Each structure stands twice: as C-alpha cells, then as structure tokens.
Amino acid sequence: MLLLVALLLKKLKKKTEFDVELTELTDAKAKVKVIKVIREITGLGLKDAKALVEEAPKLIKEAVGKEAAEDIKKKIEEVGGKVTIK
C-alpha cells in the first residue's frame, strides 16, 4: 500500500529538470550547421562538438529547465538536427 502511494506521489510531482539529447541529423548536409549550434550551446571546441554530433544519440545538456530545453531543441531543429527532451 505504501509503495502504491509513493508511486502516485512521484507521478504527481512536476518535473522541473530535463535532459536534452541529440537523436540524429535529419539531413547529412546539416552536419556543419548542427556542430556550430552545439558549440554555441555547450561551449565545446570544434573537435568535441563534431564528435558529439557524429556519435548521436548523445546528451547535449543535462538537468536544464523546461524553457531552456525547448530553446535548445528549437535551435538545433532549425538547422537540421533531431532532439529529444527527456
């Protein structure tokens, strides 16, 4: 019974932190543009940003607010990436 109550309370809690994952590129031609946006968002160097894009699916940012996650998703999808918010 307590387990059931605990599970219900967990479901009722509103999620406040989200992980943003680059799932894939929608177009291979968009790779350079997505790398540029990843560098802007994460502050990574060219080599690391390129590796992140090539190794998709890969987390871009962890534990960010909903608005920030939506903003990141919008920026990446505008240039040809596919993003999942978890």
PDB file of N, CA and C in Angstrom:
ATOM      1  N   MET A   1       0.814  -1.189   0.000  1.00  0.00           N
ATOM      2  CA  MET A   1       0.000   0.000   0.000  1.00  0.00           C
ATOM      3  C   MET A   1       0.869   1.269   0.000  1.00  0.00           C
ATOM      4  N   LEU A   2       1.882   1.291   0.852  1.00  0.00           N
ATOM      5  CA  LEU A   2       2.773   2.454   0.896  1.00  0.00           C
ATOM      6  C   LEU A   2       3.520   2.626  -0.422  1.00  0.00           C
ATOM      7  N   LEU A   3       3.866   1.522  -1.028  1.00  0.00           N
ATOM      8  CA  LEU A   3       4.570   1.583  -2.314  1.00  0.00           C
ATOM      9  C   LEU A   3       3.678   2.239  -3.366  1.00  0.00           C
ATOM     10  N   LEU A   4       2.414   1.871  -3.361  1.00  0.00           N
ATOM     11  CA  LEU A   4       1.463   2.447  -4.310  1.00  0.00           C
ATOM     12  C   LEU A   4       1.321   3.952  -4.096  1.00  0.00           C
ATOM     13  N   VAL A   5       1.224   4.373  -2.850  1.00  0.00           N
ATOM     14  CA  VAL A   5       1.117   5.796  -2.526  1.00  0.00           C
ATOM     15  C   VAL A   5       2.375   6.539  -2.970  1.00  0.00           C
ATOM     16  N   ALA A   6       3.530   5.939  -2.727  1.00  0.00           N
ATOM     17  CA  ALA A   6       4.791   6.563  -3.120  1.00  0.00           C
ATOM     18  C   ALA A   6       4.865   6.723  -4.638  1.00  0.00           C
ATOM     19  N   LEU A   7       4.425   5.712  -5.365  1.00  0.00           N
ATOM     20  CA  LEU A   7       4.438   5.795  -6.828  1.00  0.00           C
ATOM     21  C   LEU A   7       3.485   6.879  -7.335  1.00  0.00           C
ATOM     22  N   LEU A   8       2.322   6.984  -6.718  1.00  0.00           N
ATOM     23  CA  LEU A   8       1.367   8.022  -7.119  1.00  0.00           C
ATOM     24  C   LEU A   8       1.915   9.414  -6.839  1.00  0.00           C
ATOM     25  N   LEU A   9       2.556   9.593  -5.696  1.00  0.00           N
ATOM     26  CA  LEU A   9       3.138  10.894  -5.371  1.00  0.00           C
ATOM     27  C   LEU A   9       4.246  11.266  -6.339  1.00  0.00           C
ATOM     28  N   LYS A  10       5.027  10.272  -6.729  1.00  0.00           N
ATOM     29  CA  LYS A  10       6.114  10.517  -7.675  1.00  0.00           C
ATOM     30  C   LYS A  10       5.551  10.981  -9.017  1.00  0.00           C
ATOM     31  N   LYS A  11       4.452  10.369  -9.454  1.00  0.00           N
ATOM     32  CA  LYS A  11       3.832  10.758 -10.721  1.00  0.00           C
ATOM     33  C   LYS A  11       3.257  12.172 -10.648  1.00  0.00           C
ATOM     34  N   LEU A  12       2.749  12.537  -9.477  1.00  0.00           N
ATOM     35  CA  LEU A  12       2.135  13.845  -9.325  1.00  0.00           C
ATOM     36  C   LEU A  12       3.157  14.977  -9.264  1.00  0.00           C
ATOM     37  N   LYS A  13       4.385  14.659  -8.885  1.00  0.00           N
ATOM     38  CA  LYS A  13       5.429  15.679  -8.838  1.00  0.00           C
ATOM     39  C   LYS A  13       5.690  16.191 -10.244  1.00  0.00           C
ATOM     40  N   LYS A  14       5.762  17.465 -10.369  1.00  0.00           N
ATOM     41  CA  LYS A  14       6.020  18.062 -11.674  1.00  0.00           C
ATOM     42  C   LYS A  14       7.519  18.046 -11.947  1.00  0.00           C
ATOM     43  N   LYS A  15       7.866  17.579 -13.105  1.00  0.00           N
ATOM     44  CA  LYS A  15       9.271  17.513 -13.486  1.00  0.00           C
ATOM     45  C   LYS A  15       9.785  18.925 -13.779  1.00  0.00           C
ATOM     46  N   THR A  16      10.930  19.276 -13.188  1.00  0.00           N
ATOM     47  CA  THR A  16      11.468  20.624 -13.369  1.00  0.00           C
ATOM     48  C   THR A  16      12.800  20.637 -14.090  1.00  0.00           C
ATOM     49  N   GLU A  17      13.460  19.492 -14.180  1.00  0.00           N
ATOM     50  CA  GLU A  17      14.748  19.419 -14.864  1.00  0.00           C
ATOM     51  C   GLU A  17      14.667  18.391 -15.987  1.00  0.00           C
ATOM     52  N   PHE A  18      15.248  18.754 -17.112  1.00  0.00           N
ATOM     53  CA  PHE A  18      15.160  17.907 -18.300  1.00  0.00           C
ATOM     54  C   PHE A  18      16.545  17.710 -18.900  1.00  0.00           C
ATOM     55  N   ASP A  19      16.706  16.572 -19.572  1.00  0.00           N
ATOM     56  CA  ASP A  19      17.924  16.277 -20.322  1.00  0.00           C
ATOM     57  C   ASP A  19      17.607  16.457 -21.796  1.00  0.00           C
ATOM     58  N   VAL A  20      18.535  17.047 -22.525  1.00  0.00           N
ATOM     59  CA  VAL A  20      18.348  17.292 -23.953  1.00  0.00           C
ATOM     60  C   VAL A  20      19.321  16.398 -24.713  1.00  0.00           C
ATOM     61  N   GLU A  21      18.768  15.592 -25.623  1.00  0.00           N
ATOM     62  CA  GLU A  21      19.580  14.619 -26.350  1.00  0.00           C
ATOM     63  C   GLU A  21      19.488  14.874 -27.855  1.00  0.00           C
ATOM     64  N   LEU A  22      20.640  14.932 -28.489  1.00  0.00           N
ATOM     65  CA  LEU A  22      20.672  14.977 -29.952  1.00  0.00           C
ATOM     66  C   LEU A  22      20.432  13.552 -30.419  1.00  0.00           C
ATOM     67  N   THR A  23      19.321  13.326 -31.095  1.00  0.00           N
ATOM     68  CA  THR A  23      18.938  11.979 -31.503  1.00  0.00           C
ATOM     69  C   THR A  23      19.573  11.595 -32.839  1.00  0.00           C
ATOM     70  N   GLU A  24      19.488  12.504 -33.801  1.00  0.00           N
ATOM     71  CA  GLU A  24      20.046  12.233 -35.126  1.00  0.00           C
ATOM     72  C   GLU A  24      20.044  13.512 -35.955  1.00  0.00           C
ATOM     73  N   LEU A  25      20.637  13.414 -37.128  1.00  0.00           N
ATOM     74  CA  LEU A  25      20.572  14.507 -38.097  1.00  0.00           C
ATOM     75  C   LEU A  25      19.477  14.164 -39.086  1.00  0.00           C
ATOM     76  N   THR A  26      18.623  15.137 -39.399  1.00  0.00           N
ATOM     77  CA  THR A  26      17.565  14.881 -40.374  1.00  0.00           C
ATOM     78  C   THR A  26      18.117  14.906 -41.793  1.00  0.00           C
ATOM     79  N   ASP A  27      19.270  15.539 -41.948  1.00  0.00           N
ATOM     80  CA  ASP A  27      19.890  15.661 -43.265  1.00  0.00           C
ATOM     81  C   ASP A  27      21.405  15.687 -43.068  1.00  0.00           C
ATOM     82  N   ALA A  28      22.110  14.864 -43.790  1.00  0.00           N
ATOM     83  CA  ALA A  28      23.566  14.802 -43.650  1.00  0.00           C
ATOM     84  C   ALA A  28      24.228  16.140 -44.001  1.00  0.00           C
ATOM     85  N   LYS A  29      23.596  16.926 -44.844  1.00  0.00           N
ATOM     86  CA  LYS A  29      24.144  18.225 -45.230  1.00  0.00           C
ATOM     87  C   LYS A  29      24.101  19.232 -44.077  1.00  0.00           C
ATOM     88  N   ALA A  30      23.284  18.948 -43.081  1.00  0.00           N
ATOM     89  CA  ALA A  30      23.108  19.869 -41.954  1.00  0.00           C
ATOM     90  C   ALA A  30      24.171  19.684 -40.878  1.00  0.00           C
ATOM     91  N   LYS A  31      25.067  18.747 -41.039  1.00  0.00           N
ATOM     92  CA  LYS A  31      26.045  18.398 -40.008  1.00  0.00           C
ATOM     93  C   LYS A  31      26.855  19.604 -39.533  1.00  0.00           C
ATOM     94  N   VAL A  32      27.375  20.386 -40.438  1.00  0.00           N
ATOM     95  CA  VAL A  32      28.212  21.545 -40.080  1.00  0.00           C
ATOM     96  C   VAL A  32      27.398  22.567 -39.285  1.00  0.00           C
ATOM     97  N   LYS A  33      26.172  22.821 -39.722  1.00  0.00           N
ATOM     98  CA  LYS A  33      25.317  23.785 -39.019  1.00  0.00           C
ATOM     99  C   LYS A  33      24.983  23.300 -37.607  1.00  0.00           C
ATOM    100  N   VAL A  34      24.703  22.006 -37.479  1.00  0.00           N
ATOM    101  CA  VAL A  34      24.387  21.447 -36.159  1.00  0.00           C
ATOM    102  C   VAL A  34      25.616  21.531 -35.252  1.00  0.00           C
ATOM    103  N   ILE A  35      26.792  21.256 -35.785  1.00  0.00           N
ATOM    104  CA  ILE A  35      28.028  21.364 -34.999  1.00  0.00           C
ATOM    105  C   ILE A  35      28.192  22.789 -34.478  1.00  0.00           C
ATOM    106  N   LYS A  36      27.935  23.784 -35.329  1.00  0.00           N
ATOM    107  CA  LYS A  36      28.057  25.188 -34.903  1.00  0.00           C
ATOM    108  C   LYS A  36      27.106  25.505 -33.757  1.00  0.00           C
ATOM    109  N   VAL A  37      25.866  25.033 -33.857  1.00  0.00           N
ATOM    110  CA  VAL A  37      24.884  25.297 -32.803  1.00  0.00           C
ATOM    111  C   VAL A  37      25.269  24.562 -31.518  1.00  0.00           C
ATOM    112  N   ILE A  38      25.757  23.343 -31.632  1.00  0.00           N
ATOM    113  CA  ILE A  38      26.203  22.576 -30.456  1.00  0.00           C
ATOM    114  C   ILE A  38      27.337  23.321 -29.762  1.00  0.00           C
ATOM    115  N   ARG A  39      28.267  23.860 -30.528  1.00  0.00           N
ATOM    116  CA  ARG A  39      29.380  24.632 -29.941  1.00  0.00           C
ATOM    117  C   ARG A  39      28.851  25.854 -29.197  1.00  0.00           C
ATOM    118  N   GLU A  40      27.890  26.524 -29.791  1.00  0.00           N
ATOM    119  CA  GLU A  40      27.304  27.723 -29.176  1.00  0.00           C
ATOM    120  C   GLU A  40      26.602  27.371 -27.855  1.00  0.00           C
ATOM    121  N   ILE A  41      25.865  26.276 -27.843  1.00  0.00           N
ATOM    122  CA  ILE A  41      25.086  25.883 -26.673  1.00  0.00           C
ATOM    123  C   ILE A  41      25.968  25.351 -25.547  1.00  0.00           C
ATOM    124  N   THR A  42      26.944  24.522 -25.898  1.00  0.00           N
ATOM    125  CA  THR A  42      27.719  23.811 -24.884  1.00  0.00           C
ATOM    126  C   THR A  42      29.053  24.463 -24.545  1.00  0.00           C
ATOM    127  N   GLY A  43      29.581  25.263 -25.459  1.00  0.00           N
ATOM    128  CA  GLY A  43      30.906  25.835 -25.242  1.00  0.00           C
ATOM    129  C   GLY A  43      32.028  24.855 -25.576  1.00  0.00           C
ATOM    130  N   LEU A  44      31.683  23.752 -26.223  1.00  0.00           N
ATOM    131  CA  LEU A  44      32.693  22.761 -26.607  1.00  0.00           C
ATOM    132  C   LEU A  44      33.548  23.287 -27.759  1.00  0.00           C
ATOM    133  N   GLY A  45      34.734  22.724 -27.874  1.00  0.00           N
ATOM    134  CA  GLY A  45      35.588  23.024 -29.008  1.00  0.00           C
ATOM    135  C   GLY A  45      35.086  22.304 -30.249  1.00  0.00           C
ATOM    136  N   LEU A  46      35.677  22.618 -31.377  1.00  0.00           N
ATOM    137  CA  LEU A  46      35.245  22.041 -32.647  1.00  0.00           C
ATOM    138  C   LEU A  46      35.332  20.520 -32.646  1.00  0.00           C
ATOM    139  N   LYS A  47      36.451  19.989 -32.185  1.00  0.00           N
ATOM    140  CA  LYS A  47      36.655  18.538 -32.192  1.00  0.00           C
ATOM    141  C   LYS A  47      35.611  17.815 -31.339  1.00  0.00           C
ATOM    142  N   ASP A  48      35.362  18.334 -30.132  1.00  0.00           N
ATOM    143  CA  ASP A  48      34.399  17.700 -29.230  1.00  0.00           C
ATOM    144  C   ASP A  48      32.964  17.829 -29.741  1.00  0.00           C
ATOM    145  N   ALA A  49      32.621  18.976 -30.294  1.00  0.00           N
ATOM    146  CA  ALA A  49      31.274  19.177 -30.840  1.00  0.00           C
ATOM    147  C   ALA A  49      31.052  18.260 -32.040  1.00  0.00           C
ATOM    148  N   LYS A  50      32.051  18.115 -32.875  1.00  0.00           N
ATOM    149  CA  LYS A  50      31.956  17.223 -34.038  1.00  0.00           C
ATOM    150  C   LYS A  50      31.760  15.786 -33.582  1.00  0.00           C
ATOM    151  N   ALA A  51      32.509  15.359 -32.574  1.00  0.00           N
ATOM    152  CA  ALA A  51      32.385  14.004 -32.044  1.00  0.00           C
ATOM    153  C   ALA A  51      30.994  13.774 -31.465  1.00  0.00           C
ATOM    154  N   LEU A  52      30.462  14.758 -30.754  1.00  0.00           N
ATOM    155  CA  LEU A  52      29.125  14.634 -30.178  1.00  0.00           C
ATOM    156  C   LEU A  52      28.082  14.422 -31.274  1.00  0.00           C
ATOM    157  N   VAL A  53      28.164  15.203 -32.330  1.00  0.00           N
ATOM    158  CA  VAL A  53      27.200  15.090 -33.432  1.00  0.00           C
ATOM    159  C   VAL A  53      27.347  13.744 -34.139  1.00  0.00           C
ATOM    160  N   GLU A  54      28.570  13.301 -34.353  1.00  0.00           N
ATOM    161  CA  GLU A  54      28.792  12.041 -35.060  1.00  0.00           C
ATOM    162  C   GLU A  54      28.398  10.822 -34.231  1.00  0.00           C
ATOM    163  N   GLU A  55      28.394  10.963 -32.907  1.00  0.00           N
ATOM    164  CA  GLU A  55      28.066   9.845 -32.031  1.00  0.00           C
ATOM    165  C   GLU A  55      26.602   9.846 -31.586  1.00  0.00           C
ATOM    166  N   ALA A  56      25.766  10.634 -32.250  1.00  0.00           N
ATOM    167  CA  ALA A  56      24.342  10.709 -31.870  1.00  0.00           C
ATOM    168  C   ALA A  56      23.716   9.320 -31.945  1.00  0.00           C
ATOM    169  N   PRO A  57      22.839   8.992 -31.020  1.00  0.00           N
ATOM    170  CA  PRO A  57      22.224   9.807 -29.984  1.00  0.00           C
ATOM    171  C   PRO A  57      23.171  10.053 -28.809  1.00  0.00           C
ATOM    172  N   LYS A  58      23.205  11.305 -28.380  1.00  0.00           N
ATOM    173  CA  LYS A  58      24.122  11.738 -27.323  1.00  0.00           C
ATOM    174  C   LYS A  58      23.495  12.908 -26.562  1.00  0.00           C
ATOM    175  N   LEU A  59      23.692  12.938 -25.239  1.00  0.00           N
ATOM    176  CA  LEU A  59      23.175  14.040 -24.433  1.00  0.00           C
ATOM    177  C   LEU A  59      23.937  15.327 -24.734  1.00  0.00           C
ATOM    178  N   ILE A  60      23.188  16.399 -24.886  1.00  0.00           N
ATOM    179  CA  ILE A  60      23.787  17.711 -25.119  1.00  0.00           C
ATOM    180  C   ILE A  60      23.903  18.456 -23.798  1.00  0.00           C
ATOM    181  N   LYS A  61      22.800  18.508 -23.070  1.00  0.00           N
ATOM    182  CA  LYS A  61      22.734  19.199 -21.781  1.00  0.00           C
ATOM    183  C   LYS A  61      21.929  18.344 -20.812  1.00  0.00           C
ATOM    184  N   GLU A  62      22.320  18.385 -19.552  1.00  0.00           N
ATOM    185  CA  GLU A  62      21.613  17.648 -18.513  1.00  0.00           C
ATOM    186  C   GLU A  62      21.043  18.612 -17.474  1.00  0.00           C
ATOM    187  N   ALA A  63      19.893  18.246 -16.941  1.00  0.00           N
ATOM    188  CA  ALA A  63      19.254  18.967 -15.835  1.00  0.00           C
ATOM    189  C   ALA A  63      19.071  20.459 -16.108  1.00  0.00           C
ATOM    190  N   VAL A  64      18.443  20.765 -17.248  1.00  0.00           N
ATOM    191  CA  VAL A  64      18.130  22.155 -17.563  1.00  0.00           C
ATOM    192  C   VAL A  64      16.626  22.371 -17.400  1.00  0.00           C
ATOM    193  N   GLY A  65      16.226  23.603 -17.245  1.00  0.00           N
ATOM    194  CA  GLY A  65      14.812  23.938 -17.108  1.00  0.00           C
ATOM    195  C   GLY A  65      14.055  23.690 -18.400  1.00  0.00           C
ATOM    196  N   LYS A  66      12.735  23.652 -18.286  1.00  0.00           N
ATOM    197  CA  LYS A  66      11.895  23.360 -19.447  1.00  0.00           C
ATOM    198  C   LYS A  66      12.072  24.384 -20.564  1.00  0.00           C
ATOM    199  N   GLU A  67      12.107  25.666 -20.216  1.00  0.00           N
ATOM    200  CA  GLU A  67      12.263  26.702 -21.238  1.00  0.00           C
ATOM    201  C   GLU A  67      13.606  26.588 -21.943  1.00  0.00           C
ATOM    202  N   ALA A  68      14.665  26.339 -21.187  1.00  0.00           N
ATOM    203  CA  ALA A  68      15.993  26.191 -21.777  1.00  0.00           C
ATOM    204  C   ALA A  68      16.036  24.967 -22.690  1.00  0.00           C
ATOM    205  N   ALA A  69      15.418  23.874 -22.265  1.00  0.00           N
ATOM    206  CA  ALA A  69      15.387  22.652 -23.074  1.00  0.00           C
ATOM    207  C   ALA A  69      14.642  22.891 -24.386  1.00  0.00           C
ATOM    208  N   GLU A  70      13.513  23.581 -24.307  1.00  0.00           N
ATOM    209  CA  GLU A  70      12.737  23.889 -25.515  1.00  0.00           C
ATOM    210  C   GLU A  70      13.518  24.806 -26.448  1.00  0.00           C
ATOM    211  N   ASP A  71      14.244  25.762 -25.885  1.00  0.00           N
ATOM    212  CA  ASP A  71      15.051  26.685 -26.679  1.00  0.00           C
ATOM    213  C   ASP A  71      16.169  25.941 -27.415  1.00  0.00           C
ATOM    214  N   ILE A  72      16.838  25.035 -26.713  1.00  0.00           N
ATOM    215  CA  ILE A  72      17.903  24.235 -27.327  1.00  0.00           C
ATOM    216  C   ILE A  72      17.327  23.389 -28.450  1.00  0.00           C
ATOM    217  N   LYS A  73      16.205  22.749 -28.181  1.00  0.00           N
ATOM    218  CA  LYS A  73      15.558  21.907 -29.197  1.00  0.00           C
ATOM    219  C   LYS A  73      15.229  22.721 -30.444  1.00  0.00           C
ATOM    220  N   LYS A  74      14.660  23.894 -30.245  1.00  0.00           N
ATOM    221  CA  LYS A  74      14.278  24.754 -31.373  1.00  0.00           C
ATOM    222  C   LYS A  74      15.500  25.129 -32.212  1.00  0.00           C
ATOM    223  N   LYS A  75      16.585  25.554 -31.542  1.00  0.00           N
ATOM    224  CA  LYS A  75      17.793  25.971 -32.257  1.00  0.00           C
ATOM    225  C   LYS A  75      18.371  24.838 -33.099  1.00  0.00           C
ATOM    226  N   ILE A  76      18.424  23.648 -32.532  1.00  0.00           N
ATOM    227  CA  ILE A  76      19.031  22.523 -33.252  1.00  0.00           C
ATOM    228  C   ILE A  76      18.128  22.040 -34.375  1.00  0.00           C
ATOM    229  N   GLU A  77      16.837  21.988 -34.130  1.00  0.00           N
ATOM    230  CA  GLU A  77      15.929  21.511 -35.165  1.00  0.00           C
ATOM    231  C   GLU A  77      15.809  22.499 -36.324  1.00  0.00           C
ATOM    232  N   GLU A  78      16.045  23.780 -36.074  1.00  0.00           N
ATOM    233  CA  GLU A  78      16.025  24.772 -37.152  1.00  0.00           C
ATOM    234  C   GLU A  78      17.132  24.531 -38.170  1.00  0.00           C
ATOM    235  N   VAL A  79      18.251  23.944 -37.729  1.00  0.00           N
ATOM    236  CA  VAL A  79      19.374  23.737 -38.645  1.00  0.00           C
ATOM    237  C   VAL A  79      19.494  22.285 -39.123  1.00  0.00           C
ATOM    238  N   GLY A  80      18.551  21.421 -38.726  1.00  0.00           N
ATOM    239  CA  GLY A  80      18.531  20.073 -39.294  1.00  0.00           C
ATOM    240  C   GLY A  80      18.862  18.937 -38.334  1.00  0.00           C
ATOM    241  N   GLY A  81      18.839  19.181 -37.053  1.00  0.00           N
ATOM    242  CA  GLY A  81      19.042  18.098 -36.093  1.00  0.00           C
ATOM    243  C   GLY A  81      17.721  17.656 -35.507  1.00  0.00           C
ATOM    244  N   LYS A  82      17.709  16.460 -34.957  1.00  0.00           N
ATOM    245  CA  LYS A  82      16.511  15.959 -34.276  1.00  0.00           C
ATOM    246  C   LYS A  82      16.861  15.817 -32.800  1.00  0.00           C
ATOM    247  N   VAL A  83      16.013  16.376 -31.927  1.00  0.00           N
ATOM    248  CA  VAL A  83      16.296  16.445 -30.494  1.00  0.00           C
ATOM    249  C   VAL A  83      15.158  15.798 -29.710  1.00  0.00           C
ATOM    250  N   THR A  84      15.539  15.102 -28.634  1.00  0.00           N
ATOM    251  CA  THR A  84      14.578  14.527 -27.705  1.00  0.00           C
ATOM    252  C   THR A  84      14.808  15.148 -26.339  1.00  0.00           C
ATOM    253  N   ILE A  85      13.716  15.548 -25.709  1.00  0.00           N
ATOM    254  CA  ILE A  85      13.793  16.075 -24.341  1.00  0.00           C
ATOM    255  C   ILE A  85      13.302  14.994 -23.413  1.00  0.00           C
ATOM    256  N   LYS A  86      14.139  14.641 -22.456  1.00  0.00           N
ATOM    257  CA  LYS A  86      13.794  13.566 -21.525  1.00  0.00           C
ATOM    258  C   LYS A  86      13.583  14.102 -20.142  1.00  0.00           C
TER     259      LYS A  86
END
